[in-house]
């Protein structure tokens, strides 16, 4: 009864629209002596490179037997236009710190000269 089933991959975007990605009919053979035991079979599905940022959403897998269906928890995928860009503030911090020290040095020198008069 459970040896033939269908696997469906789909995603739901941020607007709640469901889009089918892939489906496959599977038929597995049960070895002798294993007929009334629970078995787990893993299936991998690779999603092709995401075309654009509208591919953001939650991706699901659903398996259907004759009268039963099981759905996975889903995996959220955030597609970005440029990918991950690490921000570096090294130069900005160094320049800001140098300008601040220079301003304080000028102010201190001006105060010393003013006090001397």
PDB file of N, CA and C in Angstrom:
ATOM      1  N   UNK A   1       0.826  -1.203   0.000  1.00  0.00           N
ATOM      2  CA  UNK A   1       0.000   0.000   0.000  1.00  0.00           C
ATOM      3  C   UNK A   1       0.868   1.264   0.000  1.00  0.00           C
ATOM      4  N   UNK A   2       2.012   1.257   0.723  1.00  0.00           N
ATOM      5  CA  UNK A   2       2.839   2.447   0.830  1.00  0.00           C
ATOM      6  C   UNK A   2       4.096   2.377  -0.020  1.00  0.00           C
ATOM      7  N   UNK A   3       4.167   1.458  -0.941  1.00  0.00           N
ATOM      8  CA  UNK A   3       5.378   1.338  -1.762  1.00  0.00           C
ATOM      9  C   UNK A   3       5.372   2.280  -2.949  1.00  0.00           C
ATOM     10  N   UNK A   4       4.221   2.788  -3.318  1.00  0.00           N
ATOM     11  CA  UNK A   4       4.129   3.742  -4.430  1.00  0.00           C
ATOM     12  C   UNK A   4       3.595   5.060  -3.878  1.00  0.00           C
ATOM     13  N   UNK A   5       4.324   6.128  -4.152  1.00  0.00           N
ATOM     14  CA  UNK A   5       3.938   7.434  -3.627  1.00  0.00           C
ATOM     15  C   UNK A   5       4.475   8.524  -4.544  1.00  0.00           C
ATOM     16  N   UNK A   6       3.970   9.719  -4.346  1.00  0.00           N
ATOM     17  CA  UNK A   6       4.404  10.876  -5.131  1.00  0.00           C
ATOM     18  C   UNK A   6       5.097  11.872  -4.220  1.00  0.00           C
ATOM     19  N   UNK A   7       6.160  12.482  -4.728  1.00  0.00           N
ATOM     20  CA  UNK A   7       6.886  13.517  -4.005  1.00  0.00           C
ATOM     21  C   UNK A   7       6.679  14.827  -4.756  1.00  0.00           C
ATOM     22  N   UNK A   8       6.303  15.865  -4.032  1.00  0.00           N
ATOM     23  CA  UNK A   8       6.084  17.183  -4.624  1.00  0.00           C
ATOM     24  C   UNK A   8       6.964  18.210  -3.926  1.00  0.00           C
ATOM     25  N   UNK A   9       7.649  19.024  -4.697  1.00  0.00           N
ATOM     26  CA  UNK A   9       8.425  20.154  -4.166  1.00  0.00           C
ATOM     27  C   UNK A   9       7.756  21.431  -4.658  1.00  0.00           C
ATOM     28  N   UNK A  10       7.544  22.355  -3.753  1.00  0.00           N
ATOM     29  CA  UNK A  10       6.927  23.625  -4.139  1.00  0.00           C
ATOM     30  C   UNK A  10       7.381  24.716  -3.176  1.00  0.00           C
ATOM     31  N   UNK A  11       7.093  25.955  -3.536  1.00  0.00           N
ATOM     32  CA  UNK A  11       7.419  27.074  -2.654  1.00  0.00           C
ATOM     33  C   UNK A  11       6.251  28.028  -2.582  1.00  0.00           C
ATOM     34  N   UNK A  12       6.184  28.735  -1.457  1.00  0.00           N
ATOM     35  CA  UNK A  12       5.141  29.737  -1.239  1.00  0.00           C
ATOM     36  C   UNK A  12       5.833  31.072  -1.036  1.00  0.00           C
ATOM     37  N   UNK A  13       5.494  32.031  -1.885  1.00  0.00           N
ATOM     38  CA  UNK A  13       6.161  33.339  -1.796  1.00  0.00           C
ATOM     39  C   UNK A  13       5.551  34.198  -0.697  1.00  0.00           C
ATOM     40  N   UNK A  14       6.030  35.426  -0.565  1.00  0.00           N
ATOM     41  CA  UNK A  14       5.585  36.318   0.509  1.00  0.00           C
ATOM     42  C   UNK A  14       4.119  36.728   0.361  1.00  0.00           C
ATOM     43  N   UNK A  15       3.552  36.550  -0.818  1.00  0.00           N
ATOM     44  CA  UNK A  15       2.139  36.874  -1.033  1.00  0.00           C
ATOM     45  C   UNK A  15       1.237  35.670  -0.786  1.00  0.00           C
ATOM     46  N   UNK A  16       1.835  34.529  -0.407  1.00  0.00           N
ATOM     47  CA  UNK A  16       1.055  33.321  -0.141  1.00  0.00           C
ATOM     48  C   UNK A  16       0.743  32.498  -1.377  1.00  0.00           C
ATOM     49  N   UNK A  17       1.376  32.833  -2.506  1.00  0.00           N
ATOM     50  CA  UNK A  17       1.117  32.103  -3.747  1.00  0.00           C
ATOM     51  C   UNK A  17       1.998  30.851  -3.801  1.00  0.00           C
ATOM     52  N   UNK A  18       1.371  29.732  -4.144  1.00  0.00           N
ATOM     53  CA  UNK A  18       2.069  28.444  -4.194  1.00  0.00           C
ATOM     54  C   UNK A  18       2.522  28.165  -5.628  1.00  0.00           C
ATOM     55  N   UNK A  19       3.807  27.812  -5.777  1.00  0.00           N
ATOM     56  CA  UNK A  19       4.372  27.517  -7.089  1.00  0.00           C
ATOM     57  C   UNK A  19       5.021  26.143  -7.057  1.00  0.00           C
ATOM     58  N   UNK A  20       4.613  25.273  -7.967  1.00  0.00           N
ATOM     59  CA  UNK A  20       5.184  23.929  -8.040  1.00  0.00           C
ATOM     60  C   UNK A  20       6.573  23.991  -8.669  1.00  0.00           C
ATOM     61  N   UNK A  21       7.516  23.229  -8.094  1.00  0.00           N
ATOM     62  CA  UNK A  21       8.883  23.203  -8.605  1.00  0.00           C
ATOM     63  C   UNK A  21       9.168  21.886  -9.314  1.00  0.00           C
ATOM     64  N   UNK A  22       8.755  20.784  -8.687  1.00  0.00           N
ATOM     65  CA  UNK A  22       9.129  19.468  -9.195  1.00  0.00           C
ATOM     66  C   UNK A  22       8.212  18.423  -8.565  1.00  0.00           C
ATOM     67  N   UNK A  23       7.904  17.389  -9.312  1.00  0.00           N
ATOM     68  CA  UNK A  23       7.153  16.268  -8.747  1.00  0.00           C
ATOM     69  C   UNK A  23       7.662  14.973  -9.371  1.00  0.00           C
ATOM     70  N   UNK A  24       7.528  13.897  -8.598  1.00  0.00           N
ATOM     71  CA  UNK A  24       8.060  12.616  -9.056  1.00  0.00           C
ATOM     72  C   UNK A  24       7.247  11.489  -8.439  1.00  0.00           C
ATOM     73  N   UNK A  25       6.954  10.471  -9.233  1.00  0.00           N
ATOM     74  CA  UNK A  25       6.275   9.277  -8.747  1.00  0.00           C
ATOM     75  C   UNK A  25       7.348   8.264  -8.384  1.00  0.00           C
ATOM     76  N   UNK A  26       7.304   7.748  -7.168  1.00  0.00           N
ATOM     77  CA  UNK A  26       8.304   6.800  -6.680  1.00  0.00           C
ATOM     78  C   UNK A  26       7.666   5.452  -6.407  1.00  0.00           C
ATOM     79  N   UNK A  27       8.449   4.419  -6.618  1.00  0.00           N
ATOM     80  CA  UNK A  27       8.025   3.075  -6.267  1.00  0.00           C
ATOM     81  C   UNK A  27       9.222   2.377  -5.631  1.00  0.00           C
ATOM     82  N   UNK A  28       9.059   1.924  -4.383  1.00  0.00           N
ATOM     83  CA  UNK A  28      10.157   1.279  -3.671  1.00  0.00           C
ATOM     84  C   UNK A  28       9.841  -0.192  -3.441  1.00  0.00           C
ATOM     85  N   UNK A  29      10.888  -0.979  -3.359  1.00  0.00           N
ATOM     86  CA  UNK A  29      10.742  -2.407  -3.099  1.00  0.00           C
ATOM     87  C   UNK A  29      11.053  -2.669  -1.631  1.00  0.00           C
ATOM     88  N   UNK A  30      10.201  -3.447  -0.981  1.00  0.00           N
ATOM     89  CA  UNK A  30      10.417  -3.790   0.420  1.00  0.00           C
ATOM     90  C   UNK A  30      11.095  -5.152   0.487  1.00  0.00           C
ATOM     91  N   UNK A  31      12.267  -5.220   1.135  1.00  0.00           N
ATOM     92  CA  UNK A  31      12.971  -6.502   1.236  1.00  0.00           C
ATOM     93  C   UNK A  31      12.164  -7.511   2.067  1.00  0.00           C
ATOM     94  N   UNK A  32      12.309  -8.782   1.793  1.00  0.00           N
ATOM     95  CA  UNK A  32      11.588  -9.802   2.569  1.00  0.00           C
ATOM     96  C   UNK A  32      11.928  -9.689   4.067  1.00  0.00           C
ATOM     97  N   UNK A  33      10.921  -9.805   4.907  1.00  0.00           N
ATOM     98  CA  UNK A  33      11.100  -9.709   6.340  1.00  0.00           C
ATOM     99  C   UNK A  33      11.002  -8.295   6.882  1.00  0.00           C
ATOM    100  N   UNK A  34      10.900  -7.293   6.024  1.00  0.00           N
ATOM    101  CA  UNK A  34      10.835  -5.887   6.437  1.00  0.00           C
ATOM    102  C   UNK A  34       9.457  -5.273   6.173  1.00  0.00           C
ATOM    103  N   UNK A  35       8.465  -6.140   5.887  1.00  0.00           N
ATOM    104  CA  UNK A  35       7.152  -5.652   5.444  1.00  0.00           C
ATOM    105  C   UNK A  35       6.420  -4.786   6.456  1.00  0.00           C
ATOM    106  N   UNK A  36       6.487  -5.077   7.726  1.00  0.00           N
ATOM    107  CA  UNK A  36       5.697  -4.350   8.720  1.00  0.00           C
ATOM    108  C   UNK A  36       6.571  -3.520   9.654  1.00  0.00           C
ATOM    109  N   UNK A  37       7.602  -2.930   9.100  1.00  0.00           N
ATOM    110  CA  UNK A  37       8.497  -2.079   9.874  1.00  0.00           C
ATOM    111  C   UNK A  37       8.511  -0.675   9.290  1.00  0.00           C
ATOM    112  N   UNK A  38       8.753   0.286  10.147  1.00  0.00           N
ATOM    113  CA  UNK A  38       8.854   1.670   9.692  1.00  0.00           C
ATOM    114  C   UNK A  38      10.205   1.872   9.021  1.00  0.00           C
ATOM    115  N   UNK A  39      10.194   2.537   7.899  1.00  0.00           N
ATOM    116  CA  UNK A  39      11.440   2.811   7.172  1.00  0.00           C
ATOM    117  C   UNK A  39      11.493   4.290   6.821  1.00  0.00           C
ATOM    118  N   UNK A  40      12.695   4.806   6.760  1.00  0.00           N
ATOM    119  CA  UNK A  40      12.910   6.190   6.349  1.00  0.00           C
ATOM    120  C   UNK A  40      13.810   6.198   5.131  1.00  0.00           C
ATOM    121  N   UNK A  41      13.385   6.909   4.122  1.00  0.00           N
ATOM    122  CA  UNK A  41      14.175   7.039   2.900  1.00  0.00           C
ATOM    123  C   UNK A  41      14.397   8.526   2.660  1.00  0.00           C
ATOM    124  N   UNK A  42      15.647   8.922   2.450  1.00  0.00           N
ATOM    125  CA  UNK A  42      15.962  10.328   2.195  1.00  0.00           C
ATOM    126  C   UNK A  42      16.010  10.580   0.691  1.00  0.00           C
ATOM    127  N   UNK A  43      15.501  11.742   0.294  1.00  0.00           N
ATOM    128  CA  UNK A  43      15.554  12.167  -1.097  1.00  0.00           C
ATOM    129  C   UNK A  43      16.137  13.566  -1.127  1.00  0.00           C
ATOM    130  N   UNK A  44      17.092  13.772  -2.002  1.00  0.00           N
ATOM    131  CA  UNK A  44      17.688  15.097  -2.142  1.00  0.00           C
ATOM    132  C   UNK A  44      17.114  15.762  -3.373  1.00  0.00           C
ATOM    133  N   UNK A  45      16.875  17.055  -3.239  1.00  0.00           N
ATOM    134  CA  UNK A  45      16.459  17.844  -4.395  1.00  0.00           C
ATOM    135  C   UNK A  45      17.250  19.135  -4.366  1.00  0.00           C
ATOM    136  N   UNK A  46      17.970  19.407  -5.422  1.00  0.00           N
ATOM    137  CA  UNK A  46      18.782  20.616  -5.506  1.00  0.00           C
ATOM    138  C   UNK A  46      18.011  21.675  -6.277  1.00  0.00           C
ATOM    139  N   UNK A  47      17.883  22.832  -5.653  1.00  0.00           N
ATOM    140  CA  UNK A  47      17.220  23.950  -6.328  1.00  0.00           C
ATOM    141  C   UNK A  47      18.257  24.651  -7.179  1.00  0.00           C
ATOM    142  N   UNK A  48      17.952  24.843  -8.428  1.00  0.00           N
ATOM    143  CA  UNK A  48      18.870  25.540  -9.331  1.00  0.00           C
ATOM    144  C   UNK A  48      19.152  26.943  -8.805  1.00  0.00           C
ATOM    145  N   UNK A  49      20.236  27.565  -9.270  1.00  0.00           N
ATOM    146  CA  UNK A  49      20.527  28.931  -8.794  1.00  0.00           C
ATOM    147  C   UNK A  49      19.303  29.833  -8.941  1.00  0.00           C
ATOM    148  N   UNK A  50      19.034  30.570  -7.884  1.00  0.00           N
ATOM    149  CA  UNK A  50      17.861  31.437  -7.879  1.00  0.00           C
ATOM    150  C   UNK A  50      18.045  32.546  -8.908  1.00  0.00           C
ATOM    151  N   UNK A  51      16.990  32.758  -9.699  1.00  0.00           N
ATOM    152  CA  UNK A  51      17.094  33.696 -10.811  1.00  0.00           C
ATOM    153  C   UNK A  51      17.062  35.151 -10.371  1.00  0.00           C
ATOM    154  N   UNK A  52      16.256  35.456  -9.378  1.00  0.00           N
ATOM    155  CA  UNK A  52      16.168  36.840  -8.921  1.00  0.00           C
ATOM    156  C   UNK A  52      15.624  36.876  -7.495  1.00  0.00           C
ATOM    157  N   UNK A  53      15.471  38.067  -6.962  1.00  0.00           N
ATOM    158  CA  UNK A  53      15.052  38.199  -5.566  1.00  0.00           C
ATOM    159  C   UNK A  53      13.616  37.765  -5.344  1.00  0.00           C
ATOM    160  N   UNK A  54      12.834  37.592  -6.399  1.00  0.00           N
ATOM    161  CA  UNK A  54      11.458  37.136  -6.218  1.00  0.00           C
ATOM    162  C   UNK A  54      11.402  35.647  -5.886  1.00  0.00           C
ATOM    163  N   UNK A  55      12.539  34.972  -5.857  1.00  0.00           N
ATOM    164  CA  UNK A  55      12.585  33.562  -5.454  1.00  0.00           C
ATOM    165  C   UNK A  55      12.555  33.404  -3.939  1.00  0.00           C
ATOM    166  N   UNK A  56      12.486  34.508  -3.207  1.00  0.00           N
ATOM    167  CA  UNK A  56      12.402  34.453  -1.753  1.00  0.00           C
ATOM    168  C   UNK A  56      11.082  33.827  -1.343  1.00  0.00           C
ATOM    169  N   UNK A  57      11.147  32.920  -0.383  1.00  0.00           N
ATOM    170  CA  UNK A  57       9.930  32.277   0.114  1.00  0.00           C
ATOM    171  C   UNK A  57      10.274  31.034   0.901  1.00  0.00           C
ATOM    172  N   UNK A  58       9.244  30.286   1.278  1.00  0.00           N
ATOM    173  CA  UNK A  58       9.435  29.047   2.017  1.00  0.00           C
ATOM    174  C   UNK A  58       9.230  27.875   1.070  1.00  0.00           C
ATOM    175  N   UNK A  59      10.217  26.982   1.037  1.00  0.00           N
ATOM    176  CA  UNK A  59      10.209  25.824   0.148  1.00  0.00           C
ATOM    177  C   UNK A  59       9.787  24.583   0.931  1.00  0.00           C
ATOM    178  N   UNK A  60       8.880  23.790   0.340  1.00  0.00           N
ATOM    179  CA  UNK A  60       8.308  22.637   1.016  1.00  0.00           C
ATOM    180  C   UNK A  60       8.455  21.365   0.187  1.00  0.00           C
ATOM    181  N   UNK A  61       8.363  20.246   0.900  1.00  0.00           N
ATOM    182  CA  UNK A  61       8.295  18.924   0.286  1.00  0.00           C
ATOM    183  C   UNK A  61       7.027  18.267   0.810  1.00  0.00           C
ATOM    184  N   UNK A  62       6.277  17.631  -0.068  1.00  0.00           N
ATOM    185  CA  UNK A  62       5.036  16.972   0.307  1.00  0.00           C
ATOM    186  C   UNK A  62       5.037  15.574  -0.307  1.00  0.00           C
ATOM    187  N   UNK A  63       4.700  14.552   0.482  1.00  0.00           N
ATOM    188  CA  UNK A  63       4.651  13.177  -0.008  1.00  0.00           C
ATOM    189  C   UNK A  63       3.226  12.683   0.121  1.00  0.00           C
ATOM    190  N   UNK A  64       2.699  12.088  -0.969  1.00  0.00           N
ATOM    191  CA  UNK A  64       1.312  11.607  -0.968  1.00  0.00           C
ATOM    192  C   UNK A  64       1.265  10.126  -1.316  1.00  0.00           C
ATOM    193  N   UNK A  65       0.564   9.376  -0.451  1.00  0.00           N
ATOM    194  CA  UNK A  65       0.223   7.998  -0.752  1.00  0.00           C
ATOM    195  C   UNK A  65      -1.238   7.998  -1.176  1.00  0.00           C
ATOM    196  N   UNK A  66      -1.838   6.827  -1.298  1.00  0.00           N
ATOM    197  CA  UNK A  66      -3.240   6.755  -1.729  1.00  0.00           C
ATOM    198  C   UNK A  66      -4.166   7.607  -0.869  1.00  0.00           C
ATOM    199  N   UNK A  67      -4.120   7.418   0.446  1.00  0.00           N
ATOM    200  CA  UNK A  67      -5.057   8.106   1.328  1.00  0.00           C
ATOM    201  C   UNK A  67      -4.372   8.951   2.399  1.00  0.00           C
ATOM    202  N   UNK A  68      -3.062   9.113   2.296  1.00  0.00           N
ATOM    203  CA  UNK A  68      -2.300   9.824   3.315  1.00  0.00           C
ATOM    204  C   UNK A  68      -1.330  10.793   2.659  1.00  0.00           C
ATOM    205  N   UNK A  69      -1.073  11.879   3.343  1.00  0.00           N
ATOM    206  CA  UNK A  69      -0.035  12.795   2.863  1.00  0.00           C
ATOM    207  C   UNK A  69       0.727  13.369   4.046  1.00  0.00           C
ATOM    208  N   UNK A  70       2.003  13.619   3.852  1.00  0.00           N
ATOM    209  CA  UNK A  70       2.871  14.204   4.871  1.00  0.00           C
ATOM    210  C   UNK A  70       3.596  15.379   4.241  1.00  0.00           C
ATOM    211  N   UNK A  71       3.665  16.485   5.011  1.00  0.00           N
ATOM    212  CA  UNK A  71       4.327  17.681   4.508  1.00  0.00           C
ATOM    213  C   UNK A  71       5.482  18.042   5.431  1.00  0.00           C
ATOM    214  N   UNK A  72       6.592  18.463   4.849  1.00  0.00           N
ATOM    215  CA  UNK A  72       7.745  18.903   5.628  1.00  0.00           C
ATOM    216  C   UNK A  72       7.488  20.257   6.262  1.00  0.00           C
ATOM    217  N   UNK A  73       8.386  20.646   7.175  1.00  0.00           N
ATOM    218  CA  UNK A  73       8.242  21.928   7.874  1.00  0.00           C
ATOM    219  C   UNK A  73       8.546  23.122   6.984  1.00  0.00           C
ATOM    220  N   UNK A  74       9.281  22.908   5.920  1.00  0.00           N
ATOM    221  CA  UNK A  74       9.636  24.000   5.029  1.00  0.00           C
ATOM    222  C   UNK A  74      10.962  24.636   5.401  1.00  0.00           C
ATOM    223  N   UNK A  75      11.594  25.220   4.414  1.00  0.00           N
ATOM    224  CA  UNK A  75      12.867  25.914   4.594  1.00  0.00           C
ATOM    225  C   UNK A  75      12.715  27.303   3.982  1.00  0.00           C
ATOM    226  N   UNK A  76      12.954  28.342   4.790  1.00  0.00           N
ATOM    227  CA  UNK A  76      12.849  29.707   4.278  1.00  0.00           C
ATOM    228  C   UNK A  76      14.138  30.082   3.565  1.00  0.00           C
ATOM    229  N   UNK A  77      13.999  30.618   2.357  1.00  0.00           N
ATOM    230  CA  UNK A  77      15.153  31.051   1.558  1.00  0.00           C
ATOM    231  C   UNK A  77      14.985  32.534   1.257  1.00  0.00           C
ATOM    232  N   UNK A  78      16.015  33.310   1.600  1.00  0.00           N
ATOM    233  CA  UNK A  78      16.023  34.747   1.298  1.00  0.00           C
ATOM    234  C   UNK A  78      16.975  34.965   0.139  1.00  0.00           C
ATOM    235  N   UNK A  79      16.444  35.348  -1.003  1.00  0.00           N
ATOM    236  CA  UNK A  79      17.268  35.607  -2.191  1.00  0.00           C
ATOM    237  C   UNK A  79      17.584  37.091  -2.237  1.00  0.00           C
ATOM    238  N   UNK A  80      18.873  37.409  -2.389  1.00  0.00           N
ATOM    239  CA  UNK A  80      19.311  38.802  -2.462  1.00  0.00           C
ATOM    240  C   UNK A  80      19.888  39.075  -3.837  1.00  0.00           C
ATOM    241  N   UNK A  81      19.781  40.321  -4.238  1.00  0.00           N
ATOM    242  CA  UNK A  81      20.264  40.698  -5.561  1.00  0.00           C
ATOM    243  C   UNK A  81      21.773  40.641  -5.706  1.00  0.00           C
ATOM    244  N   UNK A  82      22.512  41.035  -4.680  1.00  0.00           N
ATOM    245  CA  UNK A  82      23.968  41.100  -4.791  1.00  0.00           C
ATOM    246  C   UNK A  82      24.678  40.070  -3.942  1.00  0.00           C
ATOM    247  N   UNK A  83      23.942  39.287  -3.193  1.00  0.00           N
ATOM    248  CA  UNK A  83      24.592  38.332  -2.306  1.00  0.00           C
ATOM    249  C   UNK A  83      25.046  39.020  -1.040  1.00  0.00           C
ATOM    250  N   UNK A  84      25.787  38.325  -0.247  1.00  0.00           N
ATOM    251  CA  UNK A  84      26.251  38.874   1.026  1.00  0.00           C
ATOM    252  C   UNK A  84      27.480  39.735   0.791  1.00  0.00           C
ATOM    253  N   UNK A  85      27.433  40.962   1.255  1.00  0.00           N
ATOM    254  CA  UNK A  85      28.561  41.874   1.148  1.00  0.00           C
ATOM    255  C   UNK A  85      28.954  42.266   2.559  1.00  0.00           C
ATOM    256  N   UNK A  86      30.160  41.916   2.964  1.00  0.00           N
ATOM    257  CA  UNK A  86      30.612  42.250   4.302  1.00  0.00           C
ATOM    258  C   UNK A  86      30.999  43.722   4.346  1.00  0.00           C
ATOM    259  N   UNK A  87      30.410  44.428   5.291  1.00  0.00           N
ATOM    260  CA  UNK A  87      30.713  45.851   5.411  1.00  0.00           C
ATOM    261  C   UNK A  87      32.002  46.026   6.193  1.00  0.00           C
ATOM    262  N   UNK A  88      32.808  46.984   5.738  1.00  0.00           N
ATOM    263  CA  UNK A  88      34.070  47.275   6.407  1.00  0.00           C
ATOM    264  C   UNK A  88      34.110  48.752   6.731  1.00  0.00           C
ATOM    265  N   UNK A  89      34.189  49.058   8.013  1.00  0.00           N
ATOM    266  CA  UNK A  89      34.230  50.440   8.452  1.00  0.00           C
ATOM    267  C   UNK A  89      35.632  50.842   8.898  1.00  0.00           C
ATOM    268  N   UNK A  90      36.638  50.049   8.586  1.00  0.00           N
ATOM    269  CA  UNK A  90      38.003  50.286   9.044  1.00  0.00           C
ATOM    270  C   UNK A  90      38.529  51.665   8.694  1.00  0.00           C
ATOM    271  N   UNK A  91      38.476  52.022   7.410  1.00  0.00           N
ATOM    272  CA  UNK A  91      39.005  53.314   6.973  1.00  0.00           C
ATOM    273  C   UNK A  91      38.190  54.464   7.528  1.00  0.00           C
ATOM    274  N   UNK A  92      36.871  54.329   7.552  1.00  0.00           N
ATOM    275  CA  UNK A  92      36.020  55.399   8.054  1.00  0.00           C
ATOM    276  C   UNK A  92      36.314  55.678   9.528  1.00  0.00           C
ATOM    277  N   UNK A  93      36.490  54.628  10.332  1.00  0.00           N
ATOM    278  CA  UNK A  93      36.782  54.803  11.756  1.00  0.00           C
ATOM    279  C   UNK A  93      38.142  55.458  11.938  1.00  0.00           C
ATOM    280  N   UNK A  94      39.141  55.019  11.169  1.00  0.00           N
ATOM    281  CA  UNK A  94      40.487  55.576  11.276  1.00  0.00           C
ATOM    282  C   UNK A  94      40.503  57.063  10.921  1.00  0.00           C
ATOM    283  N   UNK A  95      39.857  57.441   9.845  1.00  0.00           N
ATOM    284  CA  UNK A  95      39.822  58.848   9.426  1.00  0.00           C
ATOM    285  C   UNK A  95      39.074  59.692  10.456  1.00  0.00           C
ATOM    286  N   UNK A  96      37.946  59.200  10.955  1.00  0.00           N
ATOM    287  CA  UNK A  96      37.179  59.940  11.961  1.00  0.00           C
ATOM    288  C   UNK A  96      37.995  60.141  13.228  1.00  0.00           C
ATOM    289  N   UNK A  97      38.671  59.096  13.675  1.00  0.00           N
ATOM    290  CA  UNK A  97      39.500  59.170  14.874  1.00  0.00           C
ATOM    291  C   UNK A  97      40.650  60.166  14.689  1.00  0.00           C
ATOM    292  N   UNK A  98      41.288  60.151  13.513  1.00  0.00           N
ATOM    293  CA  UNK A  98      42.398  61.066  13.229  1.00  0.00           C
ATOM    294  C   UNK A  98      41.917  62.511  13.202  1.00  0.00           C
ATOM    295  N   UNK A  99      40.795  62.784  12.564  1.00  0.00           N
ATOM    296  CA  UNK A  99      40.243  64.146  12.504  1.00  0.00           C
ATOM    297  C   UNK A  99      39.869  64.619  13.905  1.00  0.00           C
ATOM    298  N   UNK A 100      39.295  63.742  14.716  1.00  0.00           N
ATOM    299  CA  UNK A 100      38.922  64.113  16.074  1.00  0.00           C
ATOM    300  C   UNK A 100      40.156  64.452  16.911  1.00  0.00           C
ATOM    301  N   UNK A 101      41.203  63.643  16.815  1.00  0.00           N
ATOM    302  CA  UNK A 101      42.446  63.933  17.541  1.00  0.00           C
ATOM    303  C   UNK A 101      43.089  65.237  17.068  1.00  0.00           C
ATOM    304  N   UNK A 102      43.054  65.468  15.751  1.00  0.00           N
ATOM    305  CA  UNK A 102      43.623  66.707  15.222  1.00  0.00           C
ATOM    306  C   UNK A 102      42.851  67.914  15.749  1.00  0.00           C
ATOM    307  N   UNK A 103      41.527  67.837  15.785  1.00  0.00           N
ATOM    308  CA  UNK A 103      40.711  68.948  16.285  1.00  0.00           C
ATOM    309  C   UNK A 103      40.984  69.196  17.768  1.00  0.00           C
ATOM    310  N   UNK A 104      41.096  68.113  18.538  1.00  0.00           N
ATOM    311  CA  UNK A 104      41.408  68.278  19.960  1.00  0.00           C
ATOM    312  C   UNK A 104      42.802  68.863  20.169  1.00  0.00           C
ATOM    313  N   UNK A 105      43.763  68.462  19.361  1.00  0.00           N
ATOM    314  CA  UNK A 105      45.128  68.999  19.453  1.00  0.00           C
ATOM    315  C   UNK A 105      45.149  70.491  19.141  1.00  0.00           C
ATOM    316  N   UNK A 106      44.438  70.898  18.114  1.00  0.00           N
ATOM    317  CA  UNK A 106      44.376  72.317  17.742  1.00  0.00           C
ATOM    318  C   UNK A 106      43.702  73.117  18.857  1.00  0.00           C
ATOM    319  N   UNK A 107      42.619  72.577  19.420  1.00  0.00           N
ATOM    320  CA  UNK A 107      41.914  73.279  20.498  1.00  0.00           C
ATOM    321  C   UNK A 107      42.805  73.399  21.737  1.00  0.00           C
ATOM    322  N   UNK A 108      43.521  72.321  22.081  1.00  0.00           N
ATOM    323  CA  UNK A 108      44.414  72.359  23.249  1.00  0.00           C
ATOM    324  C   UNK A 108      45.546  73.359  23.029  1.00  0.00           C
ATOM    325  N   UNK A 109      46.120  73.375  21.837  1.00  0.00           N
ATOM    326  CA  UNK A 109      47.192  74.328  21.529  1.00  0.00           C
ATOM    327  C   UNK A 109      46.675  75.760  21.608  1.00  0.00           C
ATOM    328  N   UNK A 110      45.507  76.017  21.087  1.00  0.00           N
ATOM    329  CA  UNK A 110      44.904  77.364  21.136  1.00  0.00           C
ATOM    330  C   UNK A 110      44.666  77.785  22.584  1.00  0.00           C
ATOM    331  N   UNK A 111      44.185  76.872  23.431  1.00  0.00           N
ATOM    332  CA  UNK A 111      43.953  77.195  24.836  1.00  0.00           C
ATOM    333  C   UNK A 111      45.266  77.510  25.546  1.00  0.00           C
ATOM    334  N   UNK A 112      46.328  76.738  25.273  1.00  0.00           N
ATOM    335  CA  UNK A 112      47.633  76.992  25.890  1.00  0.00           C
ATOM    336  C   UNK A 112      48.206  78.353  25.485  1.00  0.00           C
ATOM    337  N   UNK A 113      48.075  78.685  24.201  1.00  0.00           N
ATOM    338  CA  UNK A 113      48.559  79.972  23.725  1.00  0.00           C
ATOM    339  C   UNK A 113      47.747  81.120  24.295  1.00  0.00           C
ATOM    340  N   UNK A 114      46.467  80.926  24.438  1.00  0.00           N
ATOM    341  CA  UNK A 114      45.570  81.958  24.976  1.00  0.00           C
ATOM    342  C   UNK A 114      45.878  82.192  26.455  1.00  0.00           C
ATOM    343  N   UNK A 115      46.121  81.110  27.206  1.00  0.00           N
ATOM    344  CA  UNK A 115      46.447  81.230  28.628  1.00  0.00           C
ATOM    345  C   UNK A 115      47.794  81.932  28.828  1.00  0.00           C
ATOM    346  N   UNK A 116      48.726  81.732  27.905  1.00  0.00           N
ATOM    347  CA  UNK A 116      50.068  82.300  28.013  1.00  0.00           C
ATOM    348  C   UNK A 116      50.021  83.824  27.908  1.00  0.00           C
ATOM    349  N   UNK A 117      49.094  84.340  27.099  1.00  0.00           N
ATOM    350  CA  UNK A 117      48.959  85.793  26.931  1.00  0.00           C
ATOM    351  C   UNK A 117      48.360  86.333  28.170  1.00  0.00           C
TER     352      UNK A 117
END
